[in-house]
Amino acid sequence: MFFSKSLVVIFLTISLNCVFSFKLECYYYYHLARKNTYKCEALELTITEPNQIVSEVVGNQEPGRETEDVVMLLFERQKTEYLPQGLNKFFPNVNNLVVMESELKHLTKHDLKNFPKLKNIFIARNNIESLPNDLFEYTPEIKSKFLKDNNIKHIGRDIFKPLKQLESVNLEGNICINENASGHNEIETMMEKATACYQ
């Protein structure tokens, strides 16, 4: 009996820590307003479990371009409750991350660690409820944050401290906060008033 219980525990431990790899399909194109901004838009993506690692990226590149040239990564109208892992292996120069209407529920510092050069983050109309205090530990160069129309109920009190270059924050349309601010003083004032987010 003890032996069989041990096997069950081992099986559950392995199952809970499973890592799965998958092939990411990209539609590559240039940003209409910024011709030098090369983008990968993820296609037909479904991620409902954590630890999903990108093992390969496929898609037709623009002439003379490689995955290393991508500076904007776009997830729009996908089903991505978690962000995929391993993206930095293929897209080391991403400085813009966009996740729109993609059912994203979880966002941690380990997700953003994939993008050490990140300067702009645009995550809107998803299902995020919490922004942990250490979220931006690995992305200190962020200048703008657009986190409008999520379901944010909690924000770490010192979440923006690592972001010395932060210029603008939009947190409109969330549960605990409905504000946006530009400049250090405005951002600081906005977060001082966001007491409902710290409970």
C-alpha atoms as a PDB file:
ATOM      1  CA  MET A   1       0.000   0.000   0.000  1.00  0.00           C
ATOM      2  CA  PHE A   2       2.803   2.403   0.933  1.00  0.00           C
ATOM      3  CA  PHE A   3       4.602   1.577  -2.316  1.00  0.00           C
ATOM      4  CA  SER A   4       1.528   2.329  -4.431  1.00  0.00           C
ATOM      5  CA  LYS A   5       0.951   5.629  -2.606  1.00  0.00           C
ATOM      6  CA  SER A   6       4.552   6.596  -3.237  1.00  0.00           C
ATOM      7  CA  LEU A   7       4.133   5.917  -6.944  1.00  0.00           C
ATOM      8  CA  VAL A   8       1.032   8.125  -7.028  1.00  0.00           C
ATOM      9  CA  VAL A   9       2.904  10.980  -5.322  1.00  0.00           C
ATOM     10  CA  ILE A  10       5.838  10.654  -7.724  1.00  0.00           C
ATOM     11  CA  PHE A  11       3.479  10.578 -10.720  1.00  0.00           C
ATOM     12  CA  LEU A  12       1.634  13.677  -9.531  1.00  0.00           C
ATOM     13  CA  THR A  13       4.889  15.528  -8.900  1.00  0.00           C
ATOM     14  CA  ILE A  14       6.131  14.733 -12.392  1.00  0.00           C
ATOM     15  CA  SER A  15       2.779  15.680 -13.940  1.00  0.00           C
ATOM     16  CA  LEU A  16       2.627  19.024 -12.148  1.00  0.00           C
ATOM     17  CA  ASN A  17       6.134  19.917 -13.310  1.00  0.00           C
ATOM     18  CA  CYS A  18       5.760  18.783 -16.901  1.00  0.00           C
ATOM     19  CA  VAL A  19       7.298  20.993 -19.539  1.00  0.00           C
ATOM     20  CA  PHE A  20       5.878  20.861 -23.034  1.00  0.00           C
ATOM     21  CA  SER A  21       7.429  22.201 -26.212  1.00  0.00           C
ATOM     22  CA  PHE A  22       5.591  23.427 -29.286  1.00  0.00           C
ATOM     23  CA  LYS A  23       6.097  25.112 -32.638  1.00  0.00           C
ATOM     24  CA  LEU A  24       5.198  28.814 -32.819  1.00  0.00           C
ATOM     25  CA  GLU A  25       3.789  30.095 -36.096  1.00  0.00           C
ATOM     26  CA  CYS A  26       4.527  33.733 -36.931  1.00  0.00           C
ATOM     27  CA  TYR A  27       3.137  36.160 -39.437  1.00  0.00           C
ATOM     28  CA  TYR A  28       6.040  38.527 -40.098  1.00  0.00           C
ATOM     29  CA  TYR A  29       5.541  42.094 -41.291  1.00  0.00           C
ATOM     30  CA  TYR A  30       6.605  45.703 -40.790  1.00  0.00           C
ATOM     31  CA  HIS A  31       4.726  48.124 -38.537  1.00  0.00           C
ATOM     32  CA  LEU A  32       2.645  50.453 -40.718  1.00  0.00           C
ATOM     33  CA  ALA A  33       3.594  53.626 -38.860  1.00  0.00           C
ATOM     34  CA  ARG A  34       7.202  52.628 -38.152  1.00  0.00           C
ATOM     35  CA  LYS A  35       8.685  50.974 -41.206  1.00  0.00           C
ATOM     36  CA  ASN A  36      11.834  49.843 -39.371  1.00  0.00           C
ATOM     37  CA  THR A  37       9.784  47.947 -36.771  1.00  0.00           C
ATOM     38  CA  TYR A  38       9.759  44.282 -37.729  1.00  0.00           C
ATOM     39  CA  LYS A  39       6.991  42.262 -36.081  1.00  0.00           C
ATOM     40  CA  CYS A  40       6.033  38.664 -35.388  1.00  0.00           C
ATOM     41  CA  GLU A  41       2.318  38.131 -34.879  1.00  0.00           C
ATOM     42  CA  ALA A  42       1.586  34.764 -33.271  1.00  0.00           C
ATOM     43  CA  LEU A  43      -1.001  32.655 -35.084  1.00  0.00           C
ATOM     44  CA  GLU A  44      -3.394  29.929 -33.892  1.00  0.00           C
ATOM     45  CA  LEU A  45      -1.924  29.841 -30.402  1.00  0.00           C
ATOM     46  CA  THR A  46      -3.541  28.044 -27.453  1.00  0.00           C
ATOM     47  CA  ILE A  47      -1.800  27.886 -24.064  1.00  0.00           C
ATOM     48  CA  THR A  48      -3.856  26.864 -21.039  1.00  0.00           C
ATOM     49  CA  GLU A  49      -1.054  25.394 -18.899  1.00  0.00           C
ATOM     50  CA  PRO A  50       2.260  26.840 -17.632  1.00  0.00           C
ATOM     51  CA  ASN A  51       5.739  25.817 -18.814  1.00  0.00           C
ATOM     52  CA  GLN A  52       5.007  25.740 -22.535  1.00  0.00           C
ATOM     53  CA  ILE A  53       8.342  26.196 -24.292  1.00  0.00           C
ATOM     54  CA  VAL A  54       8.787  27.315 -27.891  1.00  0.00           C
ATOM     55  CA  SER A  55      11.001  24.747 -29.618  1.00  0.00           C
ATOM     56  CA  GLU A  56      10.759  26.138 -33.141  1.00  0.00           C
ATOM     57  CA  VAL A  57       9.444  29.224 -34.928  1.00  0.00           C
ATOM     58  CA  VAL A  58       7.977  28.963 -38.427  1.00  0.00           C
ATOM     59  CA  GLY A  59       6.630  31.523 -40.891  1.00  0.00           C
ATOM     60  CA  ASN A  60       7.580  33.346 -44.072  1.00  0.00           C
ATOM     61  CA  GLN A  61      10.146  36.054 -43.358  1.00  0.00           C
ATOM     62  CA  GLU A  62      10.374  39.342 -45.206  1.00  0.00           C
ATOM     63  CA  PRO A  63      13.328  39.323 -47.661  1.00  0.00           C
ATOM     64  CA  GLY A  64      16.674  39.534 -45.895  1.00  0.00           C
ATOM     65  CA  ARG A  65      15.165  39.242 -42.415  1.00  0.00           C
ATOM     66  CA  GLU A  66      15.674  36.736 -39.585  1.00  0.00           C
ATOM     67  CA  THR A  67      13.957  36.103 -36.260  1.00  0.00           C
ATOM     68  CA  GLU A  68      16.744  38.116 -34.590  1.00  0.00           C
ATOM     69  CA  ASP A  69      15.432  41.204 -36.428  1.00  0.00           C
ATOM     70  CA  VAL A  70      12.029  41.069 -34.718  1.00  0.00           C
ATOM     71  CA  VAL A  71      11.570  43.936 -32.252  1.00  0.00           C
ATOM     72  CA  MET A  72       7.822  43.624 -31.658  1.00  0.00           C
ATOM     73  CA  LEU A  73       6.004  40.467 -30.574  1.00  0.00           C
ATOM     74  CA  LEU A  74       2.230  40.468 -30.911  1.00  0.00           C
ATOM     75  CA  PHE A  75      -0.373  38.125 -29.419  1.00  0.00           C
ATOM     76  CA  GLU A  76      -3.817  39.280 -30.518  1.00  0.00           C
ATOM     77  CA  ARG A  77      -7.098  37.372 -30.115  1.00  0.00           C
ATOM     78  CA  GLN A  78      -5.237  34.205 -29.134  1.00  0.00           C
ATOM     79  CA  LYS A  79      -5.918  31.879 -26.204  1.00  0.00           C
ATOM     80  CA  THR A  80      -2.854  32.434 -24.067  1.00  0.00           C
ATOM     81  CA  GLU A  81      -3.601  32.103 -20.361  1.00  0.00           C
ATOM     82  CA  TYR A  82       0.171  31.913 -19.898  1.00  0.00           C
ATOM     83  CA  LEU A  83       2.924  33.445 -22.001  1.00  0.00           C
ATOM     84  CA  PRO A  84       5.127  30.902 -23.773  1.00  0.00           C
ATOM     85  CA  GLN A  85       8.684  30.367 -22.523  1.00  0.00           C
ATOM     86  CA  GLY A  86      11.928  30.250 -24.487  1.00  0.00           C
ATOM     87  CA  LEU A  87      11.100  33.190 -26.750  1.00  0.00           C
ATOM     88  CA  ASN A  88      14.423  34.945 -26.086  1.00  0.00           C
ATOM     89  CA  LYS A  89      16.227  32.131 -27.911  1.00  0.00           C
ATOM     90  CA  PHE A  90      14.531  33.180 -31.151  1.00  0.00           C
ATOM     91  CA  PHE A  91      13.709  36.848 -30.510  1.00  0.00           C
ATOM     92  CA  PRO A  92      16.611  38.323 -28.485  1.00  0.00           C
ATOM     93  CA  ASN A  93      15.923  41.906 -29.579  1.00  0.00           C
ATOM     94  CA  VAL A  94      12.232  42.317 -28.747  1.00  0.00           C
ATOM     95  CA  ASN A  95      11.571  45.711 -27.155  1.00  0.00           C
ATOM     96  CA  ASN A  96       7.793  45.853 -27.641  1.00  0.00           C
ATOM     97  CA  LEU A  97       5.428  43.221 -26.236  1.00  0.00           C
ATOM     98  CA  VAL A  98       1.738  43.365 -27.148  1.00  0.00           C
ATOM     99  CA  VAL A  99      -0.910  40.995 -25.766  1.00  0.00           C
ATOM    100  CA  MET A 100      -4.461  41.984 -26.715  1.00  0.00           C
ATOM    101  CA  GLU A 101      -7.737  40.162 -26.123  1.00  0.00           C
ATOM    102  CA  SER A 102      -5.884  36.885 -25.590  1.00  0.00           C
ATOM    103  CA  GLU A 103      -7.280  35.686 -22.231  1.00  0.00           C
ATOM    104  CA  LEU A 104      -3.927  36.160 -20.473  1.00  0.00           C
ATOM    105  CA  LYS A 105      -4.358  35.360 -16.763  1.00  0.00           C
ATOM    106  CA  HIS A 106      -0.818  35.068 -15.427  1.00  0.00           C
ATOM    107  CA  LEU A 107       2.140  37.451 -15.745  1.00  0.00           C
ATOM    108  CA  THR A 108       5.342  37.057 -13.714  1.00  0.00           C
ATOM    109  CA  LYS A 109       8.925  38.284 -13.754  1.00  0.00           C
ATOM    110  CA  HIS A 110       9.940  34.946 -15.289  1.00  0.00           C
ATOM    111  CA  ASP A 111       7.688  35.649 -18.288  1.00  0.00           C
ATOM    112  CA  LEU A 112       9.237  39.072 -18.821  1.00  0.00           C
ATOM    113  CA  LYS A 113      12.750  37.691 -18.295  1.00  0.00           C
ATOM    114  CA  ASN A 114      12.420  36.504 -21.913  1.00  0.00           C
ATOM    115  CA  PHE A 115      12.633  40.162 -22.973  1.00  0.00           C
ATOM    116  CA  PRO A 116      15.590  41.886 -21.262  1.00  0.00           C
ATOM    117  CA  LYS A 117      15.499  44.752 -23.807  1.00  0.00           C
ATOM    118  CA  LEU A 118      11.811  45.455 -23.284  1.00  0.00           C
ATOM    119  CA  LYS A 119      10.898  49.148 -23.438  1.00  0.00           C
ATOM    120  CA  ASN A 120       7.144  49.106 -24.054  1.00  0.00           C
ATOM    121  CA  ILE A 121       4.543  46.682 -22.756  1.00  0.00           C
ATOM    122  CA  PHE A 122       0.970  46.767 -24.033  1.00  0.00           C
ATOM    123  CA  ILE A 123      -1.328  44.234 -22.376  1.00  0.00           C
ATOM    124  CA  ALA A 124      -5.007  45.068 -22.752  1.00  0.00           C
ATOM    125  CA  ARG A 125      -8.399  43.372 -22.455  1.00  0.00           C
ATOM    126  CA  ASN A 126      -7.109  40.225 -20.816  1.00  0.00           C
ATOM    127  CA  ASN A 127      -7.860  38.480 -17.511  1.00  0.00           C
ATOM    128  CA  ILE A 128      -4.904  39.447 -15.327  1.00  0.00           C
ATOM    129  CA  GLU A 129      -5.884  39.911 -11.671  1.00  0.00           C
ATOM    130  CA  SER A 130      -2.538  40.547  -9.992  1.00  0.00           C
ATOM    131  CA  LEU A 131       0.721  42.366 -10.734  1.00  0.00           C
ATOM    132  CA  PRO A 132       3.374  41.054  -8.299  1.00  0.00           C
ATOM    133  CA  ASN A 133       5.829  43.412  -6.663  1.00  0.00           C
ATOM    134  CA  ASP A 134       8.845  41.898  -8.473  1.00  0.00           C
ATOM    135  CA  LEU A 135       7.222  41.817 -11.934  1.00  0.00           C
ATOM    136  CA  PHE A 136       9.772  44.133 -13.582  1.00  0.00           C
ATOM    137  CA  GLU A 137      12.903  42.860 -11.855  1.00  0.00           C
ATOM    138  CA  TYR A 138      14.461  41.691 -15.130  1.00  0.00           C
ATOM    139  CA  THR A 139      13.135  44.470 -17.397  1.00  0.00           C
ATOM    140  CA  PRO A 140      14.463  47.762 -15.949  1.00  0.00           C
ATOM    141  CA  GLU A 141      14.451  49.591 -19.303  1.00  0.00           C
ATOM    142  CA  ILE A 142      10.655  49.766 -19.641  1.00  0.00           C
ATOM    143  CA  LYS A 143       9.461  53.259 -20.564  1.00  0.00           C
ATOM    144  CA  SER A 144       5.733  52.772 -21.041  1.00  0.00           C
ATOM    145  CA  LYS A 145       3.158  50.384 -19.597  1.00  0.00           C
ATOM    146  CA  PHE A 146      -0.324  50.009 -21.029  1.00  0.00           C
ATOM    147  CA  LEU A 147      -2.361  47.612 -18.899  1.00  0.00           C
ATOM    148  CA  LYS A 148      -5.843  48.873 -19.657  1.00  0.00           C
ATOM    149  CA  ASP A 149      -9.069  46.875 -19.310  1.00  0.00           C
ATOM    150  CA  ASN A 150      -7.785  43.837 -17.479  1.00  0.00           C
ATOM    151  CA  ASN A 151      -9.233  42.539 -14.186  1.00  0.00           C
ATOM    152  CA  ILE A 152      -6.453  43.800 -11.930  1.00  0.00           C
ATOM    153  CA  LYS A 153      -7.360  43.564  -8.233  1.00  0.00           C
ATOM    154  CA  HIS A 154      -3.901  43.727  -6.687  1.00  0.00           C
ATOM    155  CA  ILE A 155      -0.659  45.578  -7.477  1.00  0.00           C
ATOM    156  CA  GLY A 156       2.620  45.308  -5.580  1.00  0.00           C
ATOM    157  CA  ARG A 157       3.205  48.582  -3.733  1.00  0.00           C
ATOM    158  CA  ASP A 158       6.777  49.010  -5.029  1.00  0.00           C
ATOM    159  CA  ILE A 159       6.229  47.493  -8.452  1.00  0.00           C
ATOM    160  CA  PHE A 160       7.622  50.457 -10.398  1.00  0.00           C
ATOM    161  CA  LYS A 161      10.766  51.057  -8.330  1.00  0.00           C
ATOM    162  CA  PRO A 162      13.135  49.189 -10.706  1.00  0.00           C
ATOM    163  CA  LEU A 163      11.857  51.248 -13.680  1.00  0.00           C
ATOM    164  CA  LYS A 164      14.042  54.358 -13.606  1.00  0.00           C
ATOM    165  CA  GLN A 165      13.134  55.250 -17.214  1.00  0.00           C
ATOM    166  CA  LEU A 166       9.358  54.865 -16.830  1.00  0.00           C
ATOM    167  CA  GLU A 167       7.503  57.672 -18.622  1.00  0.00           C
ATOM    168  CA  SER A 168       3.857  56.601 -18.758  1.00  0.00           C
ATOM    169  CA  VAL A 169       1.442  54.111 -17.184  1.00  0.00           C
ATOM    170  CA  ASN A 170      -2.139  53.362 -18.208  1.00  0.00           C
ATOM    171  CA  LEU A 171      -4.161  51.288 -15.726  1.00  0.00           C
ATOM    172  CA  GLU A 172      -7.624  52.407 -16.784  1.00  0.00           C
ATOM    173  CA  GLY A 173     -10.549  50.012 -16.697  1.00  0.00           C
ATOM    174  CA  ASN A 174      -9.304  47.730 -13.947  1.00  0.00           C
ATOM    175  CA  ILE A 175     -11.028  46.617 -10.740  1.00  0.00           C
ATOM    176  CA  CYS A 176      -8.822  48.294  -8.134  1.00  0.00           C
ATOM    177  CA  ILE A 177      -7.667  51.218 -10.263  1.00  0.00           C
ATOM    178  CA  ASN A 178      -8.924  53.302 -13.183  1.00  0.00           C
ATOM    179  CA  GLU A 179      -6.132  55.802 -13.794  1.00  0.00           C
ATOM    180  CA  ASN A 180      -3.343  56.753 -16.172  1.00  0.00           C
ATOM    181  CA  ALA A 181      -0.329  58.972 -15.606  1.00  0.00           C
ATOM    182  CA  SER A 182       2.665  60.472 -17.400  1.00  0.00           C
ATOM    183  CA  GLY A 183       5.943  61.509 -15.823  1.00  0.00           C
ATOM    184  CA  HIS A 184       7.557  60.460 -12.568  1.00  0.00           C
ATOM    185  CA  ASN A 185       5.527  62.731 -10.289  1.00  0.00           C
ATOM    186  CA  GLU A 186       2.156  61.833 -11.800  1.00  0.00           C
ATOM    187  CA  ILE A 187       2.917  58.114 -11.674  1.00  0.00           C
ATOM    188  CA  GLU A 188       4.042  58.361  -8.062  1.00  0.00           C
ATOM    189  CA  THR A 189       0.901  60.287  -7.097  1.00  0.00           C
ATOM    190  CA  MET A 190      -1.328  57.809  -8.921  1.00  0.00           C
ATOM    191  CA  MET A 191       0.185  54.861  -7.078  1.00  0.00           C
ATOM    192  CA  GLU A 192      -0.030  56.618  -3.713  1.00  0.00           C
ATOM    193  CA  LYS A 193      -3.783  56.952  -4.243  1.00  0.00           C
ATOM    194  CA  ALA A 194      -4.213  53.333  -5.395  1.00  0.00           C
ATOM    195  CA  THR A 195      -4.783  52.051  -1.852  1.00  0.00           C
ATOM    196  CA  ALA A 196      -7.483  49.604  -2.975  1.00  0.00           C
ATOM    197  CA  CYS A 197      -4.807  47.712  -4.941  1.00  0.00           C
ATOM    198  CA  TYR A 198      -2.629  47.027  -1.891  1.00  0.00           C
ATOM    199  CA  GLN A 199      -5.175  45.141   0.228  1.00  0.00           C
END
